[in-house]
């Protein structure tokens, strides 16, 4: 007899993953946000949400948005696990550029059956994060987030290590890569411009300027001191 996971469609997996991401970021997923994220018409979102609700995977409250049930969250967490392991496969084994793997992983994740995941994880060396630094859910659905905050929220003189990138669009990642703003890099705020102005920063000791909107996608684990040590800066 097929499991709930085995019987779920490609489309339903895409919706559950999108709801999971939006709920984590905003507390719930609005239908218009889902339509934009999934690039579908709002009417299609409504029909699919009704189908997911009938299966007990989501709860939709008018004017409040969509939230996952416990069963829906478990399925969504597994889809996200498959997605981020697929990204690791594409970068670590097939050596694709980290800026290009998100869309390919969206297609590949649906082909990864449960019996493939453990051998894949073993072959990859049990990675804790995807190439963009976002945590890979465990088999039991736990998501171990490292404490961090957006680079744009640091004050002048503050510094830290980049732990993740919150936007996986190729255009965003390519710009960040060109500035050295990748997970593991050491970054320091030299000067913050006026409201919404650019940031003057040092990345691994090299001076750069980054737009504040981009800096919001770069999440940093701040250092305990403002100096951060002279060896790296």
C-alpha atoms as a PDB file:
ATOM      1  CA  UNK A   1       0.000   0.000   0.000  1.00  0.00           C
ATOM      2  CA  UNK A   2       1.570   3.354  -1.042  1.00  0.00           C
ATOM      3  CA  UNK A   3       2.567   5.752   1.697  1.00  0.00           C
ATOM      4  CA  UNK A   4       1.269   9.317   1.866  1.00  0.00           C
ATOM      5  CA  UNK A   5       4.664  10.503   0.636  1.00  0.00           C
ATOM      6  CA  UNK A   6       4.696   8.093  -2.315  1.00  0.00           C
ATOM      7  CA  UNK A   7       1.172   9.038  -3.379  1.00  0.00           C
ATOM      8  CA  UNK A   8       1.717  12.791  -3.358  1.00  0.00           C
ATOM      9  CA  UNK A   9       2.064  14.514  -6.728  1.00  0.00           C
ATOM     10  CA  UNK A  10       4.913  16.648  -8.077  1.00  0.00           C
ATOM     11  CA  UNK A  11       2.628  19.688  -7.909  1.00  0.00           C
ATOM     12  CA  UNK A  12       1.594  19.008  -4.307  1.00  0.00           C
ATOM     13  CA  UNK A  13       5.257  18.663  -3.265  1.00  0.00           C
ATOM     14  CA  UNK A  14       6.043  22.012  -4.867  1.00  0.00           C
ATOM     15  CA  UNK A  15       3.187  23.657  -2.967  1.00  0.00           C
ATOM     16  CA  UNK A  16       4.090  22.088   0.373  1.00  0.00           C
ATOM     17  CA  UNK A  17       7.716  23.190   0.029  1.00  0.00           C
ATOM     18  CA  UNK A  18       6.695  26.738  -0.931  1.00  0.00           C
ATOM     19  CA  UNK A  19       4.244  26.957   1.995  1.00  0.00           C
ATOM     20  CA  UNK A  20       6.933  25.627   4.347  1.00  0.00           C
ATOM     21  CA  UNK A  21       9.404  28.314   3.251  1.00  0.00           C
ATOM     22  CA  UNK A  22       6.861  31.161   3.417  1.00  0.00           C
ATOM     23  CA  UNK A  23       5.418  30.023   6.736  1.00  0.00           C
ATOM     24  CA  UNK A  24       8.885  29.917   8.235  1.00  0.00           C
ATOM     25  CA  UNK A  25       9.601  33.425   6.976  1.00  0.00           C
ATOM     26  CA  UNK A  26       6.235  35.131   7.566  1.00  0.00           C
ATOM     27  CA  UNK A  27       4.170  32.843   9.803  1.00  0.00           C
ATOM     28  CA  UNK A  28       1.791  31.829   7.020  1.00  0.00           C
ATOM     29  CA  UNK A  29       1.614  31.689   3.219  1.00  0.00           C
ATOM     30  CA  UNK A  30      -0.763  34.057   1.421  1.00  0.00           C
ATOM     31  CA  UNK A  31      -2.282  32.803  -1.822  1.00  0.00           C
ATOM     32  CA  UNK A  32      -0.897  35.733  -3.831  1.00  0.00           C
ATOM     33  CA  UNK A  33       2.596  35.055  -2.461  1.00  0.00           C
ATOM     34  CA  UNK A  34       2.271  31.416  -3.475  1.00  0.00           C
ATOM     35  CA  UNK A  35       1.121  32.411  -6.947  1.00  0.00           C
ATOM     36  CA  UNK A  36       4.188  34.641  -7.391  1.00  0.00           C
ATOM     37  CA  UNK A  37       6.605  32.094  -5.947  1.00  0.00           C
ATOM     38  CA  UNK A  38       5.257  29.198  -8.019  1.00  0.00           C
ATOM     39  CA  UNK A  39       4.574  31.364 -11.091  1.00  0.00           C
ATOM     40  CA  UNK A  40       0.960  30.233 -11.447  1.00  0.00           C
ATOM     41  CA  UNK A  41      -2.378  32.054 -11.606  1.00  0.00           C
ATOM     42  CA  UNK A  42      -4.181  32.713  -8.291  1.00  0.00           C
ATOM     43  CA  UNK A  43      -7.131  30.519  -9.306  1.00  0.00           C
ATOM     44  CA  UNK A  44      -4.818  27.539  -9.665  1.00  0.00           C
ATOM     45  CA  UNK A  45      -3.444  28.167  -6.169  1.00  0.00           C
ATOM     46  CA  UNK A  46      -6.948  28.186  -4.703  1.00  0.00           C
ATOM     47  CA  UNK A  47      -7.840  24.853  -6.309  1.00  0.00           C
ATOM     48  CA  UNK A  48      -4.636  23.160  -5.183  1.00  0.00           C
ATOM     49  CA  UNK A  49      -4.912  24.512  -1.641  1.00  0.00           C
ATOM     50  CA  UNK A  50      -8.452  23.126  -1.406  1.00  0.00           C
ATOM     51  CA  UNK A  51      -7.136  19.739  -2.525  1.00  0.00           C
ATOM     52  CA  UNK A  52      -4.320  19.815   0.061  1.00  0.00           C
ATOM     53  CA  UNK A  53      -6.793  20.840   2.763  1.00  0.00           C
ATOM     54  CA  UNK A  54      -9.063  17.892   1.946  1.00  0.00           C
ATOM     55  CA  UNK A  55      -6.052  15.605   2.456  1.00  0.00           C
ATOM     56  CA  UNK A  56      -5.360  17.149   5.845  1.00  0.00           C
ATOM     57  CA  UNK A  57      -2.030  18.673   4.800  1.00  0.00           C
ATOM     58  CA  UNK A  58      -2.843  22.385   5.214  1.00  0.00           C
ATOM     59  CA  UNK A  59      -5.273  24.716   6.956  1.00  0.00           C
ATOM     60  CA  UNK A  60      -6.489  27.743   5.019  1.00  0.00           C
ATOM     61  CA  UNK A  61      -7.995  30.631   6.968  1.00  0.00           C
ATOM     62  CA  UNK A  62      -9.470  33.407   4.781  1.00  0.00           C
ATOM     63  CA  UNK A  63      -7.523  36.690   5.062  1.00  0.00           C
ATOM     64  CA  UNK A  64      -4.902  34.975   7.278  1.00  0.00           C
ATOM     65  CA  UNK A  65      -3.260  32.590   4.841  1.00  0.00           C
ATOM     66  CA  UNK A  66      -2.256  28.950   4.625  1.00  0.00           C
ATOM     67  CA  UNK A  67      -0.439  26.918   7.271  1.00  0.00           C
ATOM     68  CA  UNK A  68       0.798  23.352   7.238  1.00  0.00           C
ATOM     69  CA  UNK A  69      -0.685  20.716   9.510  1.00  0.00           C
ATOM     70  CA  UNK A  70       1.682  18.411  11.377  1.00  0.00           C
ATOM     71  CA  UNK A  71       1.310  15.838   8.603  1.00  0.00           C
ATOM     72  CA  UNK A  72       1.855  18.478   5.934  1.00  0.00           C
ATOM     73  CA  UNK A  73       4.914  19.862   7.721  1.00  0.00           C
ATOM     74  CA  UNK A  74       6.496  16.403   7.882  1.00  0.00           C
ATOM     75  CA  UNK A  75       6.016  15.927   4.134  1.00  0.00           C
ATOM     76  CA  UNK A  76       7.230  19.453   3.350  1.00  0.00           C
ATOM     77  CA  UNK A  77      10.331  18.963   5.497  1.00  0.00           C
ATOM     78  CA  UNK A  78      11.172  15.805   3.564  1.00  0.00           C
ATOM     79  CA  UNK A  79      10.758  17.601   0.223  1.00  0.00           C
ATOM     80  CA  UNK A  80      13.100  20.334   1.468  1.00  0.00           C
ATOM     81  CA  UNK A  81      15.594  17.664   2.604  1.00  0.00           C
ATOM     82  CA  UNK A  82      15.534  16.098  -0.860  1.00  0.00           C
ATOM     83  CA  UNK A  83      15.918  19.512  -2.501  1.00  0.00           C
ATOM     84  CA  UNK A  84      18.964  20.512  -0.485  1.00  0.00           C
ATOM     85  CA  UNK A  85      20.627  17.104  -0.849  1.00  0.00           C
ATOM     86  CA  UNK A  86      19.989  17.375  -4.604  1.00  0.00           C
ATOM     87  CA  UNK A  87      21.733  20.767  -4.593  1.00  0.00           C
ATOM     88  CA  UNK A  88      24.690  19.176  -2.819  1.00  0.00           C
ATOM     89  CA  UNK A  89      24.798  16.370  -5.387  1.00  0.00           C
ATOM     90  CA  UNK A  90      24.836  18.902  -8.218  1.00  0.00           C
ATOM     91  CA  UNK A  91      27.609  21.043  -6.698  1.00  0.00           C
ATOM     92  CA  UNK A  92      29.773  18.502  -4.851  1.00  0.00           C
ATOM     93  CA  UNK A  93      29.650  15.573  -7.270  1.00  0.00           C
ATOM     94  CA  UNK A  94      28.687  17.068 -10.634  1.00  0.00           C
ATOM     95  CA  UNK A  95      30.523  20.359  -9.957  1.00  0.00           C
ATOM     96  CA  UNK A  96      27.781  22.684 -11.173  1.00  0.00           C
ATOM     97  CA  UNK A  97      28.033  26.308 -10.092  1.00  0.00           C
ATOM     98  CA  UNK A  98      26.152  27.043  -6.866  1.00  0.00           C
ATOM     99  CA  UNK A  99      24.225  29.843  -8.603  1.00  0.00           C
ATOM    100  CA  UNK A 100      22.659  27.419 -11.097  1.00  0.00           C
ATOM    101  CA  UNK A 101      21.563  24.447  -8.978  1.00  0.00           C
ATOM    102  CA  UNK A 102      18.301  25.630  -7.395  1.00  0.00           C
ATOM    103  CA  UNK A 103      16.054  25.178 -10.435  1.00  0.00           C
ATOM    104  CA  UNK A 104      17.696  21.883 -11.394  1.00  0.00           C
ATOM    105  CA  UNK A 105      17.249  20.604  -7.827  1.00  0.00           C
ATOM    106  CA  UNK A 106      13.552  21.533  -7.982  1.00  0.00           C
ATOM    107  CA  UNK A 107      13.185  18.983 -10.792  1.00  0.00           C
ATOM    108  CA  UNK A 108      15.560  16.370  -9.380  1.00  0.00           C
ATOM    109  CA  UNK A 109      14.102  16.309  -5.856  1.00  0.00           C
ATOM    110  CA  UNK A 110      10.887  14.663  -7.031  1.00  0.00           C
ATOM    111  CA  UNK A 111      12.822  11.714  -8.461  1.00  0.00           C
ATOM    112  CA  UNK A 112      14.637  10.977  -5.178  1.00  0.00           C
ATOM    113  CA  UNK A 113      12.786   8.101  -3.538  1.00  0.00           C
ATOM    114  CA  UNK A 114      13.163   7.426   0.218  1.00  0.00           C
ATOM    115  CA  UNK A 115      15.447   4.418  -0.329  1.00  0.00           C
ATOM    116  CA  UNK A 116      17.878   6.600  -2.325  1.00  0.00           C
ATOM    117  CA  UNK A 117      18.261   9.343   0.280  1.00  0.00           C
ATOM    118  CA  UNK A 118      20.379   7.476   2.845  1.00  0.00           C
ATOM    119  CA  UNK A 119      22.960   6.238   0.285  1.00  0.00           C
ATOM    120  CA  UNK A 120      23.028   9.721  -1.266  1.00  0.00           C
ATOM    121  CA  UNK A 121      23.595  11.346   2.108  1.00  0.00           C
ATOM    122  CA  UNK A 122      26.380   8.844   2.853  1.00  0.00           C
ATOM    123  CA  UNK A 123      28.057   9.511  -0.505  1.00  0.00           C
ATOM    124  CA  UNK A 124      27.932  13.262   0.145  1.00  0.00           C
ATOM    125  CA  UNK A 125      29.508  12.895   3.593  1.00  0.00           C
ATOM    126  CA  UNK A 126      26.390  13.811   5.598  1.00  0.00           C
ATOM    127  CA  UNK A 127      26.341  17.560   4.811  1.00  0.00           C
ATOM    128  CA  UNK A 128      24.570  19.810   7.311  1.00  0.00           C
ATOM    129  CA  UNK A 129      23.693  22.575   4.835  1.00  0.00           C
ATOM    130  CA  UNK A 130      22.982  23.132   1.164  1.00  0.00           C
ATOM    131  CA  UNK A 131      25.594  24.996  -0.960  1.00  0.00           C
ATOM    132  CA  UNK A 132      23.935  28.278   0.033  1.00  0.00           C
ATOM    133  CA  UNK A 133      24.361  27.527   3.752  1.00  0.00           C
ATOM    134  CA  UNK A 134      20.712  26.719   4.498  1.00  0.00           C
ATOM    135  CA  UNK A 135      20.281  23.758   6.877  1.00  0.00           C
ATOM    136  CA  UNK A 136      19.265  20.342   5.545  1.00  0.00           C
ATOM    137  CA  UNK A 137      16.376  18.880   7.590  1.00  0.00           C
ATOM    138  CA  UNK A 138      17.173  15.641   9.397  1.00  0.00           C
ATOM    139  CA  UNK A 139      15.328  12.388   8.678  1.00  0.00           C
ATOM    140  CA  UNK A 140      12.943  13.113  11.564  1.00  0.00           C
ATOM    141  CA  UNK A 141      12.191  16.606  10.269  1.00  0.00           C
ATOM    142  CA  UNK A 142      14.365  18.686  12.594  1.00  0.00           C
ATOM    143  CA  UNK A 143      15.818  21.874  11.132  1.00  0.00           C
ATOM    144  CA  UNK A 144      18.916  22.973  13.028  1.00  0.00           C
ATOM    145  CA  UNK A 145      19.311  26.689  12.319  1.00  0.00           C
ATOM    146  CA  UNK A 146      22.502  28.502  13.294  1.00  0.00           C
ATOM    147  CA  UNK A 147      21.785  31.884  14.901  1.00  0.00           C
ATOM    148  CA  UNK A 148      22.455  34.683  12.458  1.00  0.00           C
ATOM    149  CA  UNK A 149      21.164  38.021  11.248  1.00  0.00           C
ATOM    150  CA  UNK A 150      21.147  39.874   7.921  1.00  0.00           C
ATOM    151  CA  UNK A 151      24.354  41.683   7.007  1.00  0.00           C
ATOM    152  CA  UNK A 152      22.258  44.817   6.477  1.00  0.00           C
ATOM    153  CA  UNK A 153      21.344  44.787  10.203  1.00  0.00           C
ATOM    154  CA  UNK A 154      24.955  44.934  11.421  1.00  0.00           C
ATOM    155  CA  UNK A 155      26.278  48.292  12.592  1.00  0.00           C
ATOM    156  CA  UNK A 156      29.468  50.011  11.478  1.00  0.00           C
ATOM    157  CA  UNK A 157      32.471  48.186  12.946  1.00  0.00           C
ATOM    158  CA  UNK A 158      30.581  44.930  13.486  1.00  0.00           C
ATOM    159  CA  UNK A 159      31.766  41.772  11.816  1.00  0.00           C
ATOM    160  CA  UNK A 160      31.151  38.053  11.557  1.00  0.00           C
ATOM    161  CA  UNK A 161      31.113  34.966   9.368  1.00  0.00           C
ATOM    162  CA  UNK A 162      28.546  34.416   6.627  1.00  0.00           C
ATOM    163  CA  UNK A 163      26.461  31.313   7.382  1.00  0.00           C
ATOM    164  CA  UNK A 164      23.781  31.349   4.682  1.00  0.00           C
ATOM    165  CA  UNK A 165      22.232  33.139   1.712  1.00  0.00           C
ATOM    166  CA  UNK A 166      18.467  33.561   1.931  1.00  0.00           C
ATOM    167  CA  UNK A 167      17.814  34.097  -1.798  1.00  0.00           C
ATOM    168  CA  UNK A 168      18.703  31.379  -4.325  1.00  0.00           C
ATOM    169  CA  UNK A 169      17.999  33.296  -7.545  1.00  0.00           C
ATOM    170  CA  UNK A 170      20.926  32.858  -9.984  1.00  0.00           C
ATOM    171  CA  UNK A 171      21.247  36.614 -10.562  1.00  0.00           C
ATOM    172  CA  UNK A 172      21.485  37.289  -6.816  1.00  0.00           C
ATOM    173  CA  UNK A 173      23.988  34.497  -6.199  1.00  0.00           C
ATOM    174  CA  UNK A 174      26.242  35.541  -9.076  1.00  0.00           C
ATOM    175  CA  UNK A 175      26.516  39.104  -7.757  1.00  0.00           C
ATOM    176  CA  UNK A 176      27.175  37.906  -4.208  1.00  0.00           C
ATOM    177  CA  UNK A 177      29.765  35.430  -5.485  1.00  0.00           C
ATOM    178  CA  UNK A 178      31.582  38.197  -7.369  1.00  0.00           C
ATOM    179  CA  UNK A 179      31.867  40.098  -4.063  1.00  0.00           C
ATOM    180  CA  UNK A 180      33.045  37.052  -2.131  1.00  0.00           C
ATOM    181  CA  UNK A 181      29.845  37.064  -0.078  1.00  0.00           C
ATOM    182  CA  UNK A 182      29.544  33.298   0.290  1.00  0.00           C
ATOM    183  CA  UNK A 183      29.112  31.006   3.316  1.00  0.00           C
ATOM    184  CA  UNK A 184      32.297  30.846   5.374  1.00  0.00           C
ATOM    185  CA  UNK A 185      33.568  34.284   4.355  1.00  0.00           C
ATOM    186  CA  UNK A 186      34.519  36.819   7.018  1.00  0.00           C
ATOM    187  CA  UNK A 187      32.796  40.182   6.588  1.00  0.00           C
ATOM    188  CA  UNK A 188      33.045  43.504   8.396  1.00  0.00           C
ATOM    189  CA  UNK A 189      30.919  46.630   8.073  1.00  0.00           C
ATOM    190  CA  UNK A 190      33.212  49.604   7.545  1.00  0.00           C
ATOM    191  CA  UNK A 191      30.536  52.205   6.945  1.00  0.00           C
ATOM    192  CA  UNK A 192      26.756  52.269   6.476  1.00  0.00           C
ATOM    193  CA  UNK A 193      25.359  54.882   4.124  1.00  0.00           C
ATOM    194  CA  UNK A 194      22.121  56.766   4.639  1.00  0.00           C
ATOM    195  CA  UNK A 195      18.802  54.937   4.905  1.00  0.00           C
ATOM    196  CA  UNK A 196      18.726  52.199   2.217  1.00  0.00           C
ATOM    197  CA  UNK A 197      22.110  53.395   0.968  1.00  0.00           C
ATOM    198  CA  UNK A 198      24.954  50.995   0.091  1.00  0.00           C
ATOM    199  CA  UNK A 199      27.281  49.408   2.638  1.00  0.00           C
ATOM    200  CA  UNK A 200      31.058  49.748   2.569  1.00  0.00           C
ATOM    201  CA  UNK A 201      32.408  46.394   3.721  1.00  0.00           C
ATOM    202  CA  UNK A 202      35.509  44.239   3.899  1.00  0.00           C
ATOM    203  CA  UNK A 203      35.158  40.624   2.761  1.00  0.00           C
ATOM    204  CA  UNK A 204      38.106  38.470   3.845  1.00  0.00           C
ATOM    205  CA  UNK A 205      40.106  41.680   4.086  1.00  0.00           C
ATOM    206  CA  UNK A 206      39.128  43.033   0.651  1.00  0.00           C
ATOM    207  CA  UNK A 207      37.084  46.275   0.361  1.00  0.00           C
ATOM    208  CA  UNK A 208      33.741  46.135  -1.437  1.00  0.00           C
ATOM    209  CA  UNK A 209      30.488  48.034  -1.702  1.00  0.00           C
ATOM    210  CA  UNK A 210      27.189  46.164  -1.600  1.00  0.00           C
ATOM    211  CA  UNK A 211      23.623  47.383  -2.088  1.00  0.00           C
ATOM    212  CA  UNK A 212      21.590  47.154   1.098  1.00  0.00           C
ATOM    213  CA  UNK A 213      18.850  45.122  -0.585  1.00  0.00           C
ATOM    214  CA  UNK A 214      21.403  42.451  -1.474  1.00  0.00           C
ATOM    215  CA  UNK A 215      22.907  42.618   2.005  1.00  0.00           C
ATOM    216  CA  UNK A 216      19.545  41.591   3.455  1.00  0.00           C
ATOM    217  CA  UNK A 217      19.923  38.164   1.844  1.00  0.00           C
ATOM    218  CA  UNK A 218      23.342  37.564   3.430  1.00  0.00           C
ATOM    219  CA  UNK A 219      23.003  36.102   6.927  1.00  0.00           C
ATOM    220  CA  UNK A 220      25.935  36.502   9.284  1.00  0.00           C
ATOM    221  CA  UNK A 221      26.909  34.960  12.607  1.00  0.00           C
ATOM    222  CA  UNK A 222      28.250  38.060  14.391  1.00  0.00           C
ATOM    223  CA  UNK A 223      31.571  37.960  16.224  1.00  0.00           C
ATOM    224  CA  UNK A 224      31.685  38.680  19.942  1.00  0.00           C
ATOM    225  CA  UNK A 225      33.757  41.823  19.443  1.00  0.00           C
ATOM    226  CA  UNK A 226      33.673  44.700  17.002  1.00  0.00           C
ATOM    227  CA  UNK A 227      37.308  44.349  16.023  1.00  0.00           C
ATOM    228  CA  UNK A 228      37.116  40.752  14.785  1.00  0.00           C
ATOM    229  CA  UNK A 229      40.913  40.464  14.920  1.00  0.00           C
ATOM    230  CA  UNK A 230      43.449  42.074  12.661  1.00  0.00           C
ATOM    231  CA  UNK A 231      44.650  38.907  10.983  1.00  0.00           C
ATOM    232  CA  UNK A 232      41.601  38.514   8.766  1.00  0.00           C
ATOM    233  CA  UNK A 233      40.862  42.180   8.131  1.00  0.00           C
END
